Amino acid sequence: MAKKPSSGSMRQRLHFQKRPEGEDEYGNPQSGPYETVFTAAAELIPLRGGEPVQAARLVGVQPYTVRIRSCAAAREVTPSWRIVDARNASRVMNIRTVTNPDQKNAWLDLLVDDGVAT
Protein backbone atom coordinates (compact mmCIF):
# COMPACT_ATOMS: atom_id res chain seq x y z
CA MET A 1 0.00 0.00 0.00
CA ALA A 2 1.22 3.52 -0.77
CA LYS A 3 2.62 5.73 1.96
CA LYS A 4 0.12 8.27 3.26
CA PRO A 5 1.26 11.91 2.78
CA SER A 6 2.30 13.85 5.87
CA SER A 7 3.47 17.38 6.58
CA GLY A 8 6.65 16.11 8.25
CA SER A 9 8.15 15.02 4.93
CA MET A 10 7.72 18.47 3.32
CA ARG A 11 11.26 19.80 3.66
CA GLN A 12 11.53 21.93 0.51
CA ARG A 13 10.37 25.52 -0.11
CA LEU A 14 9.28 26.12 -3.68
CA HIS A 15 8.15 29.24 -5.56
CA PHE A 16 5.34 28.65 -8.05
CA GLN A 17 5.64 31.11 -10.93
CA LYS A 18 3.63 32.02 -14.00
CA ARG A 19 3.91 34.55 -16.80
CA PRO A 20 1.38 37.38 -16.79
CA GLU A 21 -0.54 37.91 -20.01
CA GLY A 22 -0.59 41.35 -21.55
CA GLU A 23 -0.69 43.16 -24.85
CA ASP A 24 1.87 45.18 -26.75
CA GLU A 25 1.12 48.62 -28.20
CA TYR A 26 -0.52 46.99 -31.25
CA GLY A 27 -2.90 44.77 -29.26
CA ASN A 28 -0.97 41.52 -29.80
CA PRO A 29 -0.86 39.07 -26.88
CA GLN A 30 2.51 39.08 -25.15
CA SER A 31 3.89 37.25 -22.10
CA GLY A 32 6.00 39.03 -19.54
CA PRO A 33 8.71 37.61 -17.26
CA TYR A 34 7.81 34.93 -14.71
CA GLU A 35 6.35 36.21 -11.43
CA THR A 36 6.00 34.31 -8.16
CA VAL A 37 2.34 33.68 -7.35
CA PHE A 38 2.83 31.73 -4.10
CA THR A 39 5.43 29.82 -2.11
CA ALA A 40 4.70 26.44 -0.55
CA ALA A 41 6.34 23.70 1.46
CA ALA A 42 6.75 20.58 -0.65
CA GLU A 43 8.04 17.03 -0.73
CA LEU A 44 10.27 16.14 -3.69
CA ILE A 45 10.04 12.46 -4.60
CA PRO A 46 12.70 11.51 -7.18
CA LEU A 47 11.68 9.20 -10.00
CA ARG A 48 13.90 7.25 -12.35
CA GLY A 49 15.91 9.74 -14.42
CA GLY A 50 16.96 9.58 -18.02
CA GLU A 51 19.43 10.96 -20.49
CA PRO A 52 17.62 11.99 -23.66
CA VAL A 53 19.61 13.15 -26.64
CA GLN A 54 18.94 16.78 -27.51
CA ALA A 55 20.91 18.64 -30.20
CA ALA A 56 23.27 15.66 -30.53
CA ARG A 57 24.23 15.84 -26.82
CA LEU A 58 23.20 13.81 -23.80
CA VAL A 59 21.13 15.86 -21.39
CA GLY A 60 20.56 14.71 -17.81
CA VAL A 61 16.89 15.06 -16.87
CA GLN A 62 15.61 14.14 -13.42
CA PRO A 63 11.83 13.76 -13.06
CA TYR A 64 10.26 14.35 -9.65
CA THR A 65 6.85 14.12 -8.10
CA VAL A 66 6.27 17.30 -6.12
CA ARG A 67 3.67 16.87 -3.38
CA ILE A 68 2.06 19.99 -1.89
CA ARG A 69 -0.98 20.75 0.21
CA SER A 70 -3.98 21.77 -1.83
CA CYS A 71 -5.18 25.37 -1.53
CA ALA A 72 -7.02 27.81 -3.80
CA ALA A 73 -3.76 29.10 -5.35
CA ALA A 74 -2.31 25.60 -5.81
CA ARG A 75 -5.42 24.34 -7.63
CA GLU A 76 -4.83 26.99 -10.33
CA VAL A 77 -1.37 25.64 -11.26
CA THR A 78 -1.12 24.41 -14.87
CA PRO A 79 1.75 23.05 -17.00
CA SER A 80 2.38 26.60 -18.29
CA TRP A 81 3.73 27.50 -14.83
CA ARG A 82 7.19 26.66 -13.48
CA ILE A 83 8.71 25.92 -10.08
CA VAL A 84 11.84 27.56 -8.66
CA ASP A 85 13.63 26.25 -5.57
CA ALA A 86 13.47 28.95 -2.87
CA ARG A 87 16.92 27.98 -1.56
CA ASN A 88 18.62 27.68 -4.97
CA ALA A 89 17.24 30.08 -7.59
CA SER A 90 19.20 28.37 -10.39
CA ARG A 91 17.14 25.19 -9.90
CA VAL A 92 14.10 25.55 -12.16
CA MET A 93 11.59 22.77 -12.83
CA ASN A 94 9.07 22.40 -15.65
CA ILE A 95 5.60 21.20 -14.67
CA ARG A 96 4.29 18.36 -16.85
CA THR A 97 1.07 17.35 -15.08
CA VAL A 98 -0.96 18.24 -12.00
CA THR A 99 -3.07 15.55 -10.30
CA ASN A 100 -5.33 15.26 -7.28
CA PRO A 101 -4.48 11.68 -6.18
CA ASP A 102 -6.98 11.26 -3.34
CA GLN A 103 -9.85 13.16 -5.07
CA LYS A 104 -10.49 15.00 -1.77
CA ASN A 105 -8.48 18.17 -2.53
CA ALA A 106 -6.13 17.52 0.39
CA TRP A 107 -2.90 17.06 -1.63
CA LEU A 108 -1.70 17.77 -5.16
CA ASP A 109 0.96 15.78 -6.98
CA LEU A 110 2.86 17.51 -9.76
CA LEU A 111 5.06 15.62 -12.20
CA VAL A 112 8.02 17.89 -12.96
CA ASP A 113 11.34 17.75 -14.83
CA ASP A 114 14.53 19.19 -13.36
CA GLY A 115 17.37 19.84 -15.77
CA VAL A 116 15.48 21.03 -18.85
CA ALA A 117 15.16 24.54 -20.23
CA THR A 118 11.97 26.42 -19.42
C-alpha atoms as a PDB file:
ATOM      1  CA  MET A   1       0.000   0.000   0.000  1.00  0.00           C
ATOM      2  CA  ALA A   2       1.223   3.518  -0.772  1.00  0.00           C
ATOM      3  CA  LYS A   3       2.624   5.729   1.960  1.00  0.00           C
ATOM      4  CA  LYS A   4       0.120   8.272   3.260  1.00  0.00           C
ATOM      5  CA  PRO A   5       1.264  11.909   2.778  1.00  0.00           C
ATOM      6  CA  SER A   6       2.298  13.852   5.867  1.00  0.00           C
ATOM      7  CA  SER A   7       3.469  17.376   6.584  1.00  0.00           C
ATOM      8  CA  GLY A   8       6.650  16.112   8.251  1.00  0.00           C
ATOM      9  CA  SER A   9       8.151  15.024   4.931  1.00  0.00           C
ATOM     10  CA  MET A  10       7.717  18.468   3.325  1.00  0.00           C
ATOM     11  CA  ARG A  11      11.259  19.799   3.665  1.00  0.00           C
ATOM     12  CA  GLN A  12      11.525  21.931   0.510  1.00  0.00           C
ATOM     13  CA  ARG A  13      10.371  25.519  -0.106  1.00  0.00           C
ATOM     14  CA  LEU A  14       9.280  26.119  -3.683  1.00  0.00           C
ATOM     15  CA  HIS A  15       8.154  29.240  -5.558  1.00  0.00           C
ATOM     16  CA  PHE A  16       5.338  28.654  -8.054  1.00  0.00           C
ATOM     17  CA  GLN A  17       5.637  31.107 -10.929  1.00  0.00           C
ATOM     18  CA  LYS A  18       3.625  32.019 -14.004  1.00  0.00           C
ATOM     19  CA  ARG A  19       3.912  34.551 -16.795  1.00  0.00           C
ATOM     20  CA  PRO A  20       1.378  37.383 -16.793  1.00  0.00           C
ATOM     21  CA  GLU A  21      -0.545  37.912 -20.013  1.00  0.00           C
ATOM     22  CA  GLY A  22      -0.588  41.353 -21.552  1.00  0.00           C
ATOM     23  CA  GLU A  23      -0.686  43.155 -24.851  1.00  0.00           C
ATOM     24  CA  ASP A  24       1.872  45.181 -26.745  1.00  0.00           C
ATOM     25  CA  GLU A  25       1.119  48.620 -28.197  1.00  0.00           C
ATOM     26  CA  TYR A  26      -0.516  46.990 -31.249  1.00  0.00           C
ATOM     27  CA  GLY A  27      -2.899  44.772 -29.256  1.00  0.00           C
ATOM     28  CA  ASN A  28      -0.972  41.516 -29.799  1.00  0.00           C
ATOM     29  CA  PRO A  29      -0.856  39.067 -26.876  1.00  0.00           C
ATOM     30  CA  GLN A  30       2.510  39.081 -25.146  1.00  0.00           C
ATOM     31  CA  SER A  31       3.893  37.252 -22.103  1.00  0.00           C
ATOM     32  CA  GLY A  32       6.002  39.033 -19.537  1.00  0.00           C
ATOM     33  CA  PRO A  33       8.705  37.606 -17.263  1.00  0.00           C
ATOM     34  CA  TYR A  34       7.805  34.930 -14.712  1.00  0.00           C
ATOM     35  CA  GLU A  35       6.354  36.213 -11.429  1.00  0.00           C
ATOM     36  CA  THR A  36       6.002  34.309  -8.162  1.00  0.00           C
ATOM     37  CA  VAL A  37       2.337  33.676  -7.349  1.00  0.00           C
ATOM     38  CA  PHE A  38       2.831  31.729  -4.103  1.00  0.00           C
ATOM     39  CA  THR A  39       5.430  29.818  -2.114  1.00  0.00           C
ATOM     40  CA  ALA A  40       4.704  26.439  -0.552  1.00  0.00           C
ATOM     41  CA  ALA A  41       6.343  23.703   1.456  1.00  0.00           C
ATOM     42  CA  ALA A  42       6.752  20.580  -0.653  1.00  0.00           C
ATOM     43  CA  GLU A  43       8.039  17.032  -0.725  1.00  0.00           C
ATOM     44  CA  LEU A  44      10.265  16.136  -3.688  1.00  0.00           C
ATOM     45  CA  ILE A  45      10.040  12.460  -4.598  1.00  0.00           C
ATOM     46  CA  PRO A  46      12.698  11.514  -7.181  1.00  0.00           C
ATOM     47  CA  LEU A  47      11.684   9.203 -10.005  1.00  0.00           C
ATOM     48  CA  ARG A  48      13.897   7.251 -12.354  1.00  0.00           C
ATOM     49  CA  GLY A  49      15.907   9.740 -14.422  1.00  0.00           C
ATOM     50  CA  GLY A  50      16.963   9.584 -18.018  1.00  0.00           C
ATOM     51  CA  GLU A  51      19.431  10.959 -20.494  1.00  0.00           C
ATOM     52  CA  PRO A  52      17.622  11.989 -23.664  1.00  0.00           C
ATOM     53  CA  VAL A  53      19.614  13.146 -26.642  1.00  0.00           C
ATOM     54  CA  GLN A  54      18.939  16.777 -27.514  1.00  0.00           C
ATOM     55  CA  ALA A  55      20.905  18.641 -30.198  1.00  0.00           C
ATOM     56  CA  ALA A  56      23.272  15.661 -30.530  1.00  0.00           C
ATOM     57  CA  ARG A  57      24.233  15.837 -26.824  1.00  0.00           C
ATOM     58  CA  LEU A  58      23.199  13.808 -23.803  1.00  0.00           C
ATOM     59  CA  VAL A  59      21.135  15.865 -21.386  1.00  0.00           C
ATOM     60  CA  GLY A  60      20.556  14.711 -17.808  1.00  0.00           C
ATOM     61  CA  VAL A  61      16.885  15.057 -16.874  1.00  0.00           C
ATOM     62  CA  GLN A  62      15.610  14.140 -13.419  1.00  0.00           C
ATOM     63  CA  PRO A  63      11.833  13.755 -13.062  1.00  0.00           C
ATOM     64  CA  TYR A  64      10.264  14.351  -9.645  1.00  0.00           C
ATOM     65  CA  THR A  65       6.848  14.118  -8.095  1.00  0.00           C
ATOM     66  CA  VAL A  66       6.271  17.304  -6.117  1.00  0.00           C
ATOM     67  CA  ARG A  67       3.668  16.867  -3.382  1.00  0.00           C
ATOM     68  CA  ILE A  68       2.060  19.988  -1.894  1.00  0.00           C
ATOM     69  CA  ARG A  69      -0.978  20.749   0.210  1.00  0.00           C
ATOM     70  CA  SER A  70      -3.984  21.774  -1.834  1.00  0.00           C
ATOM     71  CA  CYS A  71      -5.182  25.373  -1.531  1.00  0.00           C
ATOM     72  CA  ALA A  72      -7.022  27.811  -3.795  1.00  0.00           C
ATOM     73  CA  ALA A  73      -3.762  29.098  -5.348  1.00  0.00           C
ATOM     74  CA  ALA A  74      -2.311  25.596  -5.814  1.00  0.00           C
ATOM     75  CA  ARG A  75      -5.422  24.345  -7.626  1.00  0.00           C
ATOM     76  CA  GLU A  76      -4.827  26.989 -10.326  1.00  0.00           C
ATOM     77  CA  VAL A  77      -1.366  25.637 -11.262  1.00  0.00           C
ATOM     78  CA  THR A  78      -1.116  24.410 -14.873  1.00  0.00           C
ATOM     79  CA  PRO A  79       1.753  23.054 -17.005  1.00  0.00           C
ATOM     80  CA  SER A  80       2.383  26.603 -18.294  1.00  0.00           C
ATOM     81  CA  TRP A  81       3.733  27.503 -14.826  1.00  0.00           C
ATOM     82  CA  ARG A  82       7.193  26.656 -13.479  1.00  0.00           C
ATOM     83  CA  ILE A  83       8.710  25.920 -10.076  1.00  0.00           C
ATOM     84  CA  VAL A  84      11.842  27.562  -8.658  1.00  0.00           C
ATOM     85  CA  ASP A  85      13.626  26.247  -5.572  1.00  0.00           C
ATOM     86  CA  ALA A  86      13.472  28.949  -2.873  1.00  0.00           C
ATOM     87  CA  ARG A  87      16.920  27.980  -1.564  1.00  0.00           C
ATOM     88  CA  ASN A  88      18.617  27.685  -4.970  1.00  0.00           C
ATOM     89  CA  ALA A  89      17.238  30.078  -7.592  1.00  0.00           C
ATOM     90  CA  SER A  90      19.196  28.368 -10.387  1.00  0.00           C
ATOM     91  CA  ARG A  91      17.140  25.185  -9.902  1.00  0.00           C
ATOM     92  CA  VAL A  92      14.102  25.551 -12.165  1.00  0.00           C
ATOM     93  CA  MET A  93      11.587  22.773 -12.826  1.00  0.00           C
ATOM     94  CA  ASN A  94       9.067  22.397 -15.645  1.00  0.00           C
ATOM     95  CA  ILE A  95       5.605  21.197 -14.667  1.00  0.00           C
ATOM     96  CA  ARG A  96       4.290  18.356 -16.853  1.00  0.00           C
ATOM     97  CA  THR A  97       1.070  17.346 -15.083  1.00  0.00           C
ATOM     98  CA  VAL A  98      -0.962  18.238 -11.997  1.00  0.00           C
ATOM     99  CA  THR A  99      -3.071  15.552 -10.298  1.00  0.00           C
ATOM    100  CA  ASN A 100      -5.334  15.258  -7.283  1.00  0.00           C
ATOM    101  CA  PRO A 101      -4.484  11.681  -6.183  1.00  0.00           C
ATOM    102  CA  ASP A 102      -6.983  11.265  -3.341  1.00  0.00           C
ATOM    103  CA  GLN A 103      -9.851  13.163  -5.069  1.00  0.00           C
ATOM    104  CA  LYS A 104     -10.487  14.997  -1.767  1.00  0.00           C
ATOM    105  CA  ASN A 105      -8.477  18.166  -2.526  1.00  0.00           C
ATOM    106  CA  ALA A 106      -6.131  17.523   0.390  1.00  0.00           C
ATOM    107  CA  TRP A 107      -2.898  17.063  -1.631  1.00  0.00           C
ATOM    108  CA  LEU A 108      -1.705  17.774  -5.156  1.00  0.00           C
ATOM    109  CA  ASP A 109       0.961  15.782  -6.975  1.00  0.00           C
ATOM    110  CA  LEU A 110       2.859  17.514  -9.763  1.00  0.00           C
ATOM    111  CA  LEU A 111       5.057  15.617 -12.200  1.00  0.00           C
ATOM    112  CA  VAL A 112       8.018  17.893 -12.959  1.00  0.00           C
ATOM    113  CA  ASP A 113      11.335  17.751 -14.825  1.00  0.00           C
ATOM    114  CA  ASP A 114      14.526  19.190 -13.358  1.00  0.00           C
ATOM    115  CA  GLY A 115      17.372  19.844 -15.766  1.00  0.00           C
ATOM    116  CA  VAL A 116      15.481  21.033 -18.846  1.00  0.00           C
ATOM    117  CA  ALA A 117      15.158  24.541 -20.230  1.00  0.00           C
ATOM    118  CA  THR A 118      11.969  26.416 -19.422  1.00  0.00           C
END
